[in-house]
Amino acid sequence: MEGEESSTSATNQTKQRFKRICVFCGSRPGYKSAFSDAALQLGKLLVERKIDLVYGGGSGGLMGLVSQTVFNGGCHVLGVIPRALLPHEISGESIGEVKTVADMHQRKSEMAKNADAFIALPGGYGTMEELLEMITWSQLGIHEKPVGLLNVDGYYNSLFTLFDKGVEEGFIEDSARNIMISATTAEELIKKMEEYAPVHDRVAPRQTWEVDQLL
């Protein structure tokens, strides 16, 4: 019995590594139902693990699906959105707590400050830019939070190829290629993120960055 209790306790501790995860994803649903299915699956898994959501604040597309699922499941939802995008990305009632900020830079900073880890679902330029900035911040030594990518139906295969080309051509260090964690299901991705430990060399020590201004 004691052994079983210890095992259960260890499992619960592992599951509780993340209290809040920031999800980057499209404000559109995309053409394939697999994208919406993945957003719903991720939302349900966050609820199951009692992990709160931080996201871009929109009520449409994959953003709306994952945020509504987490909110309906009783977990806290924080949406961070620039004032200029309010009429474009929120239709009807907002979901959870909404924090309005001045611009895109402040949006990313606030999302990063309030999250223990990051996950990208399929999305457009904005999603990719947010994902790449978090990878870059990790490489620079600004944070050590896990950065995960949910590669639904091979959506990000070409991005992986580009990263590999960067390593091949000498622009990305081998160890830095491993900053991004990827999987095809939400459950597998979060498991990998729970086990993540940075192995890359940081460009500069964290204490040399004005982290309070970024995170």
N, C-alpha and C. Protein backbone atom coordinates (compact mmCIF):
# COMPACT_ATOMS: atom_id res chain seq x y z
N MET A 1 0.83 -1.22 0.00
CA MET A 1 0.00 0.00 0.00
C MET A 1 0.85 1.25 0.00
N GLU A 2 1.94 1.23 0.87
CA GLU A 2 2.80 2.40 0.95
C GLU A 2 3.43 2.68 -0.40
N GLY A 3 3.89 1.61 -1.07
CA GLY A 3 4.51 1.76 -2.38
C GLY A 3 3.56 2.35 -3.39
N GLU A 4 2.29 1.87 -3.32
CA GLU A 4 1.28 2.36 -4.25
C GLU A 4 0.99 3.84 -4.00
N GLU A 5 0.92 4.22 -2.72
CA GLU A 5 0.65 5.62 -2.38
C GLU A 5 1.78 6.52 -2.85
N SER A 6 3.03 6.06 -2.69
CA SER A 6 4.19 6.84 -3.13
C SER A 6 4.16 7.03 -4.63
N SER A 7 3.81 5.92 -5.33
CA SER A 7 3.74 5.98 -6.79
C SER A 7 2.68 6.96 -7.25
N THR A 8 1.51 6.92 -6.59
CA THR A 8 0.42 7.84 -6.94
C THR A 8 0.82 9.28 -6.67
N SER A 9 1.49 9.50 -5.53
CA SER A 9 1.93 10.84 -5.17
C SER A 9 2.91 11.38 -6.19
N ALA A 10 3.86 10.53 -6.62
CA ALA A 10 4.86 10.96 -7.61
C ALA A 10 4.19 11.31 -8.92
N THR A 11 3.19 10.50 -9.31
CA THR A 11 2.47 10.76 -10.56
C THR A 11 1.75 12.10 -10.49
N ASN A 12 1.09 12.37 -9.35
CA ASN A 12 0.37 13.63 -9.19
C ASN A 12 1.30 14.82 -9.23
N GLN A 13 2.52 14.66 -8.63
CA GLN A 13 3.48 15.75 -8.65
C GLN A 13 3.93 16.04 -10.07
N THR A 14 4.13 14.96 -10.86
CA THR A 14 4.54 15.15 -12.25
C THR A 14 3.45 15.88 -13.02
N LYS A 15 2.21 15.48 -12.79
CA LYS A 15 1.10 16.11 -13.50
C LYS A 15 0.96 17.58 -13.14
N GLN A 16 1.38 17.94 -11.91
CA GLN A 16 1.21 19.30 -11.45
C GLN A 16 2.40 20.19 -11.78
N ARG A 17 3.31 19.75 -12.64
CA ARG A 17 4.45 20.59 -13.00
C ARG A 17 3.96 21.92 -13.58
N PHE A 18 2.89 21.86 -14.36
CA PHE A 18 2.35 23.07 -15.00
C PHE A 18 1.03 23.47 -14.35
N LYS A 19 0.95 24.71 -13.91
CA LYS A 19 -0.31 25.25 -13.40
C LYS A 19 -1.04 26.01 -14.50
N ARG A 20 -0.26 26.63 -15.40
CA ARG A 20 -0.86 27.42 -16.49
C ARG A 20 -0.05 27.20 -17.76
N ILE A 21 -0.72 26.89 -18.84
CA ILE A 21 -0.05 26.72 -20.13
C ILE A 21 -0.60 27.75 -21.12
N CYS A 22 0.31 28.38 -21.83
CA CYS A 22 -0.08 29.33 -22.88
C CYS A 22 -0.20 28.58 -24.20
N VAL A 23 -1.34 28.74 -24.86
CA VAL A 23 -1.58 28.08 -26.14
C VAL A 23 -1.65 29.12 -27.25
N PHE A 24 -0.79 28.96 -28.25
CA PHE A 24 -0.82 29.78 -29.45
C PHE A 24 -1.57 29.00 -30.53
N CYS A 25 -2.52 29.62 -31.20
CA CYS A 25 -3.26 28.90 -32.23
C CYS A 25 -4.03 29.88 -33.11
N GLY A 26 -4.61 29.36 -34.18
CA GLY A 26 -5.28 30.19 -35.16
C GLY A 26 -6.60 30.79 -34.69
N SER A 27 -6.87 32.00 -35.16
CA SER A 27 -8.18 32.61 -34.91
C SER A 27 -9.19 32.12 -35.96
N ARG A 28 -8.71 31.25 -36.86
CA ARG A 28 -9.57 30.56 -37.83
C ARG A 28 -9.52 29.06 -37.52
N PRO A 29 -10.53 28.31 -37.96
CA PRO A 29 -10.53 26.87 -37.67
C PRO A 29 -9.69 26.03 -38.62
N GLY A 30 -9.32 26.61 -39.78
CA GLY A 30 -8.64 25.81 -40.79
C GLY A 30 -9.65 24.95 -41.55
N TYR A 31 -9.20 24.31 -42.61
CA TYR A 31 -10.11 23.54 -43.46
C TYR A 31 -10.34 22.11 -43.00
N LYS A 32 -9.42 21.55 -42.22
CA LYS A 32 -9.54 20.15 -41.81
C LYS A 32 -10.17 20.02 -40.43
N SER A 33 -11.06 19.07 -40.28
CA SER A 33 -11.70 18.85 -38.98
C SER A 33 -10.68 18.39 -37.94
N ALA A 34 -9.56 17.82 -38.40
CA ALA A 34 -8.52 17.36 -37.47
C ALA A 34 -7.98 18.49 -36.62
N PHE A 35 -7.96 19.71 -37.16
CA PHE A 35 -7.43 20.85 -36.40
C PHE A 35 -8.36 21.20 -35.23
N SER A 36 -9.65 21.22 -35.51
CA SER A 36 -10.63 21.50 -34.45
C SER A 36 -10.64 20.37 -33.42
N ASP A 37 -10.54 19.14 -33.90
CA ASP A 37 -10.51 17.99 -32.99
C ASP A 37 -9.32 18.09 -32.03
N ALA A 38 -8.18 18.52 -32.56
CA ALA A 38 -6.97 18.63 -31.73
C ALA A 38 -7.12 19.73 -30.69
N ALA A 39 -7.75 20.84 -31.07
CA ALA A 39 -7.97 21.94 -30.13
C ALA A 39 -8.88 21.48 -28.99
N LEU A 40 -9.93 20.75 -29.34
CA LEU A 40 -10.85 20.23 -28.32
C LEU A 40 -10.15 19.22 -27.41
N GLN A 41 -9.35 18.35 -28.02
CA GLN A 41 -8.61 17.34 -27.25
C GLN A 41 -7.67 18.01 -26.26
N LEU A 42 -6.96 19.03 -26.71
CA LEU A 42 -6.03 19.73 -25.84
C LEU A 42 -6.79 20.41 -24.69
N GLY A 43 -7.89 21.07 -25.03
CA GLY A 43 -8.69 21.73 -24.00
C GLY A 43 -9.17 20.75 -22.94
N LYS A 44 -9.66 19.59 -23.37
CA LYS A 44 -10.14 18.57 -22.43
C LYS A 44 -9.02 18.03 -21.54
N LEU A 45 -7.83 17.89 -22.13
CA LEU A 45 -6.70 17.39 -21.35
C LEU A 45 -6.26 18.41 -20.30
N LEU A 46 -6.29 19.69 -20.64
CA LEU A 46 -5.95 20.72 -19.67
C LEU A 46 -6.93 20.68 -18.48
N VAL A 47 -8.21 20.51 -18.80
CA VAL A 47 -9.23 20.43 -17.75
C VAL A 47 -8.99 19.19 -16.88
N GLU A 48 -8.73 18.08 -17.53
CA GLU A 48 -8.49 16.82 -16.81
C GLU A 48 -7.33 16.96 -15.83
N ARG A 49 -6.32 17.72 -16.23
CA ARG A 49 -5.13 17.89 -15.38
C ARG A 49 -5.20 19.16 -14.54
N LYS A 50 -6.34 19.83 -14.61
CA LYS A 50 -6.54 21.06 -13.83
C LYS A 50 -5.46 22.11 -14.12
N ILE A 51 -5.18 22.28 -15.40
CA ILE A 51 -4.21 23.28 -15.85
C ILE A 51 -4.97 24.46 -16.45
N ASP A 52 -4.69 25.65 -15.96
CA ASP A 52 -5.34 26.85 -16.48
C ASP A 52 -4.76 27.24 -17.84
N LEU A 53 -5.53 28.03 -18.58
CA LEU A 53 -5.15 28.42 -19.94
C LEU A 53 -4.83 29.90 -20.03
N VAL A 54 -3.75 30.19 -20.74
CA VAL A 54 -3.43 31.56 -21.16
C VAL A 54 -3.42 31.53 -22.68
N TYR A 55 -4.07 32.49 -23.33
CA TYR A 55 -4.12 32.46 -24.80
C TYR A 55 -4.35 33.87 -25.34
N GLY A 56 -4.50 33.97 -26.65
CA GLY A 56 -4.56 35.27 -27.31
C GLY A 56 -5.87 36.02 -27.23
N GLY A 57 -6.88 35.48 -26.53
CA GLY A 57 -8.09 36.23 -26.25
C GLY A 57 -9.21 36.18 -27.26
N GLY A 58 -8.98 35.58 -28.43
CA GLY A 58 -10.01 35.53 -29.46
C GLY A 58 -11.10 34.51 -29.15
N SER A 59 -12.28 34.74 -29.73
CA SER A 59 -13.40 33.81 -29.47
C SER A 59 -13.73 32.95 -30.69
N GLY A 60 -12.97 33.11 -31.77
CA GLY A 60 -13.24 32.34 -32.98
C GLY A 60 -12.14 31.33 -33.27
N GLY A 61 -12.39 30.49 -34.24
CA GLY A 61 -11.39 29.53 -34.69
C GLY A 61 -10.93 28.57 -33.61
N LEU A 62 -9.66 28.13 -33.71
CA LEU A 62 -9.12 27.20 -32.72
C LEU A 62 -9.00 27.87 -31.36
N MET A 63 -8.76 29.19 -31.36
CA MET A 63 -8.70 29.93 -30.10
C MET A 63 -9.99 29.77 -29.31
N GLY A 64 -11.10 29.96 -30.00
CA GLY A 64 -12.40 29.86 -29.35
C GLY A 64 -12.69 28.46 -28.84
N LEU A 65 -12.31 27.46 -29.62
CA LEU A 65 -12.58 26.07 -29.23
C LEU A 65 -11.82 25.66 -27.98
N VAL A 66 -10.52 25.94 -27.96
CA VAL A 66 -9.73 25.51 -26.80
C VAL A 66 -10.10 26.31 -25.56
N SER A 67 -10.33 27.61 -25.70
CA SER A 67 -10.65 28.45 -24.54
C SER A 67 -12.03 28.12 -23.96
N GLN A 68 -13.02 27.88 -24.83
CA GLN A 68 -14.36 27.56 -24.36
C GLN A 68 -14.37 26.21 -23.65
N THR A 69 -13.59 25.26 -24.17
CA THR A 69 -13.51 23.93 -23.56
C THR A 69 -12.91 24.01 -22.16
N VAL A 70 -11.83 24.77 -22.03
CA VAL A 70 -11.17 24.91 -20.73
C VAL A 70 -12.08 25.66 -19.75
N PHE A 71 -12.72 26.71 -20.22
CA PHE A 71 -13.61 27.51 -19.38
C PHE A 71 -14.81 26.69 -18.91
N ASN A 72 -15.42 25.96 -19.84
CA ASN A 72 -16.57 25.11 -19.49
C ASN A 72 -16.19 24.01 -18.51
N GLY A 73 -14.92 23.62 -18.55
CA GLY A 73 -14.45 22.56 -17.66
C GLY A 73 -14.08 23.05 -16.27
N GLY A 74 -14.23 24.36 -16.04
CA GLY A 74 -14.02 24.89 -14.70
C GLY A 74 -12.63 25.41 -14.40
N CYS A 75 -11.76 25.45 -15.40
CA CYS A 75 -10.42 26.01 -15.18
C CYS A 75 -10.39 27.48 -15.58
N HIS A 76 -9.40 28.19 -15.06
CA HIS A 76 -9.31 29.62 -15.34
C HIS A 76 -8.77 29.86 -16.75
N VAL A 77 -9.34 30.84 -17.42
CA VAL A 77 -8.90 31.21 -18.76
C VAL A 77 -8.53 32.68 -18.76
N LEU A 78 -7.30 32.98 -19.19
CA LEU A 78 -6.85 34.37 -19.33
C LEU A 78 -6.56 34.63 -20.80
N GLY A 79 -7.32 35.55 -21.38
CA GLY A 79 -7.08 35.95 -22.77
C GLY A 79 -6.40 37.31 -22.79
N VAL A 80 -5.33 37.42 -23.57
CA VAL A 80 -4.58 38.68 -23.66
C VAL A 80 -4.68 39.17 -25.10
N ILE A 81 -5.25 40.35 -25.28
CA ILE A 81 -5.52 40.82 -26.64
C ILE A 81 -5.26 42.31 -26.80
N PRO A 82 -4.61 42.71 -27.88
CA PRO A 82 -4.41 44.14 -28.13
C PRO A 82 -5.75 44.84 -28.37
N ARG A 83 -5.85 46.05 -27.91
CA ARG A 83 -7.10 46.82 -28.03
C ARG A 83 -7.58 46.88 -29.48
N ALA A 84 -6.66 47.05 -30.41
CA ALA A 84 -7.02 47.18 -31.83
C ALA A 84 -7.69 45.93 -32.39
N LEU A 85 -7.44 44.77 -31.78
CA LEU A 85 -7.99 43.51 -32.30
C LEU A 85 -9.32 43.11 -31.65
N LEU A 86 -9.76 43.85 -30.64
CA LEU A 86 -11.00 43.50 -29.95
C LEU A 86 -12.18 43.31 -30.91
N PRO A 87 -12.43 44.24 -31.84
CA PRO A 87 -13.58 44.05 -32.73
C PRO A 87 -13.38 42.97 -33.79
N HIS A 88 -12.14 42.54 -33.98
CA HIS A 88 -11.85 41.56 -35.03
C HIS A 88 -11.79 40.13 -34.51
N GLU A 89 -11.37 39.94 -33.25
CA GLU A 89 -11.13 38.59 -32.75
C GLU A 89 -12.11 38.15 -31.66
N ILE A 90 -12.92 39.08 -31.15
CA ILE A 90 -13.92 38.70 -30.16
C ILE A 90 -15.31 39.00 -30.71
N SER A 91 -16.10 37.95 -30.87
CA SER A 91 -17.48 38.12 -31.33
C SER A 91 -18.40 37.58 -30.24
N GLY A 92 -19.44 38.32 -29.90
CA GLY A 92 -20.32 37.91 -28.82
C GLY A 92 -19.64 38.10 -27.48
N GLU A 93 -19.92 37.19 -26.54
CA GLU A 93 -19.34 37.31 -25.21
C GLU A 93 -17.90 36.82 -25.18
N SER A 94 -17.09 37.49 -24.38
CA SER A 94 -15.70 37.06 -24.21
C SER A 94 -15.67 35.81 -23.33
N ILE A 95 -14.55 35.10 -23.37
CA ILE A 95 -14.42 33.85 -22.62
C ILE A 95 -13.43 34.04 -21.48
N GLY A 96 -13.89 33.84 -20.25
CA GLY A 96 -13.02 33.97 -19.10
C GLY A 96 -12.57 35.40 -18.85
N GLU A 97 -11.38 35.53 -18.30
CA GLU A 97 -10.80 36.84 -18.01
C GLU A 97 -10.10 37.37 -19.26
N VAL A 98 -10.37 38.61 -19.61
CA VAL A 98 -9.73 39.21 -20.78
C VAL A 98 -8.89 40.40 -20.33
N LYS A 99 -7.63 40.38 -20.71
CA LYS A 99 -6.73 41.51 -20.40
C LYS A 99 -6.42 42.23 -21.70
N THR A 100 -6.77 43.50 -21.77
CA THR A 100 -6.52 44.30 -22.97
C THR A 100 -5.17 44.99 -22.83
N VAL A 101 -4.35 44.88 -23.88
CA VAL A 101 -3.02 45.49 -23.87
C VAL A 101 -2.86 46.43 -25.06
N ALA A 102 -1.75 47.15 -25.08
CA ALA A 102 -1.55 48.19 -26.09
C ALA A 102 -1.17 47.63 -27.45
N ASP A 103 -0.33 46.60 -27.48
CA ASP A 103 0.19 46.14 -28.78
C ASP A 103 0.59 44.66 -28.72
N MET A 104 1.11 44.17 -29.85
CA MET A 104 1.46 42.75 -29.95
C MET A 104 2.63 42.38 -29.05
N HIS A 105 3.58 43.31 -28.89
CA HIS A 105 4.74 43.03 -28.03
C HIS A 105 4.30 42.81 -26.59
N GLN A 106 3.41 43.68 -26.12
CA GLN A 106 2.90 43.55 -24.75
C GLN A 106 2.07 42.29 -24.60
N ARG A 107 1.35 41.92 -25.65
CA ARG A 107 0.54 40.70 -25.62
C ARG A 107 1.42 39.49 -25.35
N LYS A 108 2.51 39.35 -26.12
CA LYS A 108 3.39 38.20 -25.95
C LYS A 108 4.06 38.20 -24.58
N SER A 109 4.46 39.39 -24.14
CA SER A 109 5.10 39.51 -22.83
C SER A 109 4.16 39.07 -21.71
N GLU A 110 2.91 39.52 -21.77
CA GLU A 110 1.93 39.17 -20.74
C GLU A 110 1.61 37.68 -20.77
N MET A 111 1.47 37.12 -21.95
CA MET A 111 1.18 35.68 -22.05
C MET A 111 2.34 34.87 -21.47
N ALA A 112 3.57 35.30 -21.79
CA ALA A 112 4.75 34.59 -21.30
C ALA A 112 4.89 34.70 -19.79
N LYS A 113 4.61 35.87 -19.25
CA LYS A 113 4.70 36.09 -17.80
C LYS A 113 3.75 35.16 -17.04
N ASN A 114 2.59 34.92 -17.61
CA ASN A 114 1.53 34.21 -16.91
C ASN A 114 1.50 32.71 -17.19
N ALA A 115 2.50 32.18 -17.89
CA ALA A 115 2.48 30.76 -18.26
C ALA A 115 3.72 30.03 -17.77
N ASP A 116 3.54 28.73 -17.51
CA ASP A 116 4.65 27.86 -17.12
C ASP A 116 5.23 27.12 -18.33
N ALA A 117 4.51 27.13 -19.44
CA ALA A 117 4.94 26.42 -20.64
C ALA A 117 4.11 26.94 -21.83
N PHE A 118 4.52 26.55 -23.03
CA PHE A 118 3.86 27.04 -24.25
C PHE A 118 3.56 25.87 -25.18
N ILE A 119 2.38 25.94 -25.82
CA ILE A 119 2.02 24.94 -26.83
C ILE A 119 1.47 25.68 -28.05
N ALA A 120 1.91 25.28 -29.22
CA ALA A 120 1.37 25.84 -30.46
C ALA A 120 0.55 24.77 -31.18
N LEU A 121 -0.69 25.12 -31.47
CA LEU A 121 -1.55 24.35 -32.37
C LEU A 121 -1.37 24.92 -33.78
N PRO A 122 -1.98 24.34 -34.80
CA PRO A 122 -1.92 24.96 -36.12
C PRO A 122 -2.44 26.40 -36.10
N GLY A 123 -1.84 27.22 -36.92
CA GLY A 123 -2.24 28.63 -37.02
C GLY A 123 -1.48 29.29 -38.14
N GLY A 124 -1.68 30.58 -38.29
CA GLY A 124 -1.03 31.33 -39.37
C GLY A 124 0.23 32.03 -38.93
N TYR A 125 0.52 33.17 -39.58
CA TYR A 125 1.75 33.91 -39.30
C TYR A 125 1.88 34.26 -37.82
N GLY A 126 0.78 34.71 -37.21
CA GLY A 126 0.83 35.13 -35.81
C GLY A 126 1.22 34.00 -34.89
N THR A 127 0.63 32.82 -35.11
CA THR A 127 0.94 31.65 -34.28
C THR A 127 2.41 31.26 -34.44
N MET A 128 2.87 31.26 -35.69
CA MET A 128 4.27 30.87 -35.93
C MET A 128 5.23 31.88 -35.34
N GLU A 129 4.88 33.16 -35.43
CA GLU A 129 5.75 34.20 -34.88
C GLU A 129 5.85 34.08 -33.37
N GLU A 130 4.71 33.81 -32.71
CA GLU A 130 4.71 33.63 -31.25
C GLU A 130 5.54 32.42 -30.85
N LEU A 131 5.35 31.31 -31.57
CA LEU A 131 6.11 30.10 -31.31
C LEU A 131 7.61 30.35 -31.45
N LEU A 132 8.01 30.99 -32.55
CA LEU A 132 9.42 31.22 -32.81
C LEU A 132 10.03 32.19 -31.80
N GLU A 133 9.25 33.16 -31.33
CA GLU A 133 9.79 34.07 -30.32
C GLU A 133 10.06 33.34 -29.01
N MET A 134 9.18 32.43 -28.61
CA MET A 134 9.41 31.69 -27.37
C MET A 134 10.62 30.75 -27.51
N ILE A 135 10.80 30.17 -28.70
CA ILE A 135 11.99 29.33 -28.95
C ILE A 135 13.23 30.20 -28.87
N THR A 136 13.18 31.38 -29.48
CA THR A 136 14.32 32.30 -29.47
C THR A 136 14.66 32.76 -28.06
N TRP A 137 13.62 33.09 -27.27
CA TRP A 137 13.86 33.52 -25.89
C TRP A 137 14.53 32.41 -25.09
N SER A 138 14.16 31.16 -25.35
CA SER A 138 14.79 30.03 -24.68
C SER A 138 16.26 29.93 -25.08
N GLN A 139 16.51 30.05 -26.38
CA GLN A 139 17.88 29.99 -26.88
C GLN A 139 18.73 31.11 -26.28
N LEU A 140 18.16 32.29 -26.13
CA LEU A 140 18.89 33.44 -25.61
C LEU A 140 19.14 33.34 -24.11
N GLY A 141 18.37 32.50 -23.42
CA GLY A 141 18.52 32.37 -21.98
C GLY A 141 17.54 33.17 -21.17
N ILE A 142 16.51 33.71 -21.83
CA ILE A 142 15.51 34.53 -21.13
C ILE A 142 14.59 33.67 -20.28
N HIS A 143 14.26 32.47 -20.76
CA HIS A 143 13.43 31.55 -19.98
C HIS A 143 13.87 30.12 -20.23
N GLU A 144 13.41 29.22 -19.36
CA GLU A 144 13.69 27.79 -19.51
C GLU A 144 12.39 26.99 -19.55
N LYS A 145 11.32 27.63 -19.95
CA LYS A 145 10.01 26.97 -19.99
C LYS A 145 9.90 26.08 -21.23
N PRO A 146 9.25 24.93 -21.10
CA PRO A 146 9.08 24.06 -22.26
C PRO A 146 8.25 24.71 -23.37
N VAL A 147 8.66 24.48 -24.61
CA VAL A 147 7.94 25.00 -25.78
C VAL A 147 7.52 23.80 -26.63
N GLY A 148 6.22 23.56 -26.71
CA GLY A 148 5.72 22.39 -27.42
C GLY A 148 4.95 22.75 -28.68
N LEU A 149 4.99 21.85 -29.64
CA LEU A 149 4.27 22.05 -30.89
C LEU A 149 3.42 20.83 -31.17
N LEU A 150 2.12 21.02 -31.29
CA LEU A 150 1.19 19.93 -31.60
C LEU A 150 1.07 19.83 -33.11
N ASN A 151 1.76 18.85 -33.67
CA ASN A 151 1.85 18.72 -35.13
C ASN A 151 0.67 17.90 -35.66
N VAL A 152 -0.44 18.58 -35.84
CA VAL A 152 -1.68 17.93 -36.25
C VAL A 152 -1.67 17.64 -37.75
N ASP A 153 -1.84 16.37 -38.07
CA ASP A 153 -1.93 15.94 -39.47
C ASP A 153 -0.76 16.45 -40.31
N GLY A 154 0.42 16.52 -39.70
CA GLY A 154 1.63 16.92 -40.42
C GLY A 154 1.70 18.40 -40.79
N TYR A 155 0.86 19.21 -40.13
CA TYR A 155 0.79 20.64 -40.49
C TYR A 155 2.15 21.32 -40.43
N TYR A 156 2.96 20.96 -39.44
CA TYR A 156 4.24 21.66 -39.24
C TYR A 156 5.45 20.90 -39.80
N ASN A 157 5.23 19.88 -40.60
CA ASN A 157 6.35 19.11 -41.14
C ASN A 157 7.36 19.99 -41.90
N SER A 158 6.84 20.93 -42.68
CA SER A 158 7.73 21.79 -43.46
C SER A 158 8.55 22.71 -42.56
N LEU A 159 7.99 23.09 -41.41
CA LEU A 159 8.73 23.92 -40.47
C LEU A 159 9.88 23.13 -39.87
N PHE A 160 9.64 21.85 -39.56
CA PHE A 160 10.71 21.00 -39.04
C PHE A 160 11.84 20.89 -40.08
N THR A 161 11.44 20.75 -41.33
CA THR A 161 12.44 20.64 -42.40
C THR A 161 13.28 21.91 -42.48
N LEU A 162 12.63 23.06 -42.31
CA LEU A 162 13.35 24.33 -42.32
C LEU A 162 14.34 24.41 -41.15
N PHE A 163 13.91 23.98 -39.95
CA PHE A 163 14.81 23.98 -38.79
C PHE A 163 16.01 23.07 -39.05
N ASP A 164 15.74 21.89 -39.61
CA ASP A 164 16.82 20.96 -39.89
C ASP A 164 17.80 21.55 -40.91
N LYS A 165 17.26 22.29 -41.87
CA LYS A 165 18.11 22.96 -42.86
C LYS A 165 18.99 24.01 -42.17
N GLY A 166 18.42 24.68 -41.17
CA GLY A 166 19.19 25.67 -40.42
C GLY A 166 20.37 25.03 -39.69
N VAL A 167 20.15 23.82 -39.15
CA VAL A 167 21.23 23.09 -38.49
C VAL A 167 22.26 22.67 -39.53
N GLU A 168 21.78 22.12 -40.64
CA GLU A 168 22.66 21.62 -41.70
C GLU A 168 23.56 22.72 -42.25
N GLU A 169 23.01 23.94 -42.36
CA GLU A 169 23.76 25.05 -42.96
C GLU A 169 24.53 25.88 -41.92
N GLY A 170 24.47 25.45 -40.66
CA GLY A 170 25.29 26.10 -39.65
C GLY A 170 24.69 27.32 -38.99
N PHE A 171 23.37 27.52 -39.11
CA PHE A 171 22.73 28.68 -38.49
C PHE A 171 22.06 28.36 -37.16
N ILE A 172 21.77 27.08 -36.93
CA ILE A 172 21.14 26.64 -35.68
C ILE A 172 22.02 25.55 -35.07
N GLU A 173 22.33 25.70 -33.77
CA GLU A 173 23.13 24.69 -33.08
C GLU A 173 22.32 23.40 -32.96
N ASP A 174 23.02 22.27 -33.00
CA ASP A 174 22.35 20.97 -32.84
C ASP A 174 21.52 20.94 -31.56
N SER A 175 22.11 21.39 -30.45
CA SER A 175 21.41 21.33 -29.17
C SER A 175 20.20 22.25 -29.15
N ALA A 176 20.29 23.38 -29.83
CA ALA A 176 19.17 24.33 -29.87
C ALA A 176 18.00 23.79 -30.69
N ARG A 177 18.27 22.87 -31.58
CA ARG A 177 17.20 22.25 -32.37
C ARG A 177 16.23 21.51 -31.47
N ASN A 178 16.71 21.11 -30.28
CA ASN A 178 15.88 20.35 -29.36
C ASN A 178 15.07 21.20 -28.41
N ILE A 179 15.14 22.53 -28.56
CA ILE A 179 14.33 23.40 -27.71
C ILE A 179 12.85 23.10 -27.93
N MET A 180 12.47 22.95 -29.20
CA MET A 180 11.08 22.70 -29.52
C MET A 180 10.74 21.22 -29.34
N ILE A 181 9.69 20.97 -28.58
CA ILE A 181 9.22 19.61 -28.32
C ILE A 181 7.99 19.38 -29.20
N SER A 182 7.92 18.27 -29.90
CA SER A 182 6.78 18.05 -30.78
C SER A 182 6.16 16.68 -30.56
N ALA A 183 4.87 16.61 -30.88
CA ALA A 183 4.13 15.34 -30.80
C ALA A 183 2.87 15.49 -31.63
N THR A 184 2.23 14.37 -31.89
CA THR A 184 1.01 14.40 -32.72
C THR A 184 -0.27 14.35 -31.90
N THR A 185 -0.14 14.10 -30.59
CA THR A 185 -1.32 14.13 -29.72
C THR A 185 -1.02 15.00 -28.50
N ALA A 186 -2.06 15.58 -27.93
CA ALA A 186 -1.90 16.45 -26.77
C ALA A 186 -1.30 15.70 -25.58
N GLU A 187 -1.78 14.48 -25.35
CA GLU A 187 -1.31 13.70 -24.21
C GLU A 187 0.18 13.42 -24.31
N GLU A 188 0.62 12.99 -25.49
CA GLU A 188 2.05 12.70 -25.69
C GLU A 188 2.88 13.98 -25.55
N LEU A 189 2.35 15.09 -26.07
CA LEU A 189 3.10 16.35 -26.02
C LEU A 189 3.30 16.82 -24.59
N ILE A 190 2.25 16.82 -23.79
CA ILE A 190 2.38 17.29 -22.41
C ILE A 190 3.30 16.37 -21.62
N LYS A 191 3.25 15.07 -21.88
CA LYS A 191 4.15 14.13 -21.20
C LYS A 191 5.61 14.48 -21.52
N LYS A 192 5.90 14.74 -22.78
CA LYS A 192 7.27 15.12 -23.18
C LYS A 192 7.68 16.44 -22.54
N MET A 193 6.74 17.38 -22.47
CA MET A 193 7.04 18.68 -21.88
C MET A 193 7.31 18.56 -20.39
N GLU A 194 6.60 17.66 -19.71
CA GLU A 194 6.84 17.43 -18.29
C GLU A 194 8.24 16.89 -18.03
N GLU A 195 8.76 16.14 -19.01
CA GLU A 195 10.08 15.52 -18.86
C GLU A 195 11.20 16.41 -19.39
N TYR A 196 10.85 17.54 -19.98
CA TYR A 196 11.85 18.40 -20.63
C TYR A 196 12.83 19.02 -19.66
N ALA A 197 14.11 19.00 -20.03
CA ALA A 197 15.15 19.73 -19.33
C ALA A 197 16.05 20.34 -20.40
N PRO A 198 16.34 21.64 -20.33
CA PRO A 198 17.15 22.30 -21.37
C PRO A 198 18.54 21.67 -21.49
N VAL A 199 18.98 21.47 -22.72
CA VAL A 199 20.33 20.93 -22.96
C VAL A 199 21.17 21.88 -23.81
N HIS A 200 20.57 22.96 -24.31
CA HIS A 200 21.28 23.88 -25.19
C HIS A 200 22.06 24.92 -24.39
N ASP A 201 23.09 25.48 -25.02
CA ASP A 201 23.84 26.57 -24.42
C ASP A 201 23.05 27.86 -24.57
N ARG A 202 22.91 28.61 -23.48
CA ARG A 202 22.22 29.89 -23.55
C ARG A 202 23.18 30.94 -24.09
N VAL A 203 22.66 31.86 -24.89
CA VAL A 203 23.49 32.93 -25.44
C VAL A 203 24.00 33.84 -24.33
N ALA A 204 23.14 34.12 -23.34
CA ALA A 204 23.52 34.97 -22.21
C ALA A 204 22.80 34.48 -20.96
N PRO A 205 23.43 34.63 -19.77
CA PRO A 205 22.78 34.19 -18.52
C PRO A 205 21.48 34.94 -18.30
N ARG A 206 20.50 34.25 -17.69
CA ARG A 206 19.18 34.84 -17.47
C ARG A 206 19.25 36.14 -16.67
N GLN A 207 20.17 36.18 -15.69
CA GLN A 207 20.25 37.37 -14.84
C GLN A 207 20.74 38.61 -15.57
N THR A 208 21.32 38.43 -16.78
CA THR A 208 21.79 39.60 -17.52
C THR A 208 20.68 40.25 -18.35
N TRP A 209 19.55 39.55 -18.48
CA TRP A 209 18.41 40.10 -19.21
C TRP A 209 17.52 40.88 -18.25
N GLU A 210 16.87 41.90 -18.75
CA GLU A 210 15.90 42.62 -17.94
C GLU A 210 14.59 41.85 -18.00
N VAL A 211 14.62 40.70 -17.30
CA VAL A 211 13.52 39.73 -17.39
C VAL A 211 12.19 40.34 -16.95
N ASP A 212 12.22 41.23 -15.98
CA ASP A 212 10.98 41.85 -15.51
C ASP A 212 10.25 42.59 -16.62
N GLN A 213 11.01 43.02 -17.63
CA GLN A 213 10.40 43.73 -18.75
C GLN A 213 9.83 42.77 -19.79
N LEU A 214 10.27 41.50 -19.70
CA LEU A 214 9.85 40.52 -20.71
C LEU A 214 8.91 39.48 -20.14
N LEU A 215 9.23 38.97 -18.95
CA LEU A 215 8.45 37.87 -18.37
C LEU A 215 7.86 38.27 -17.03
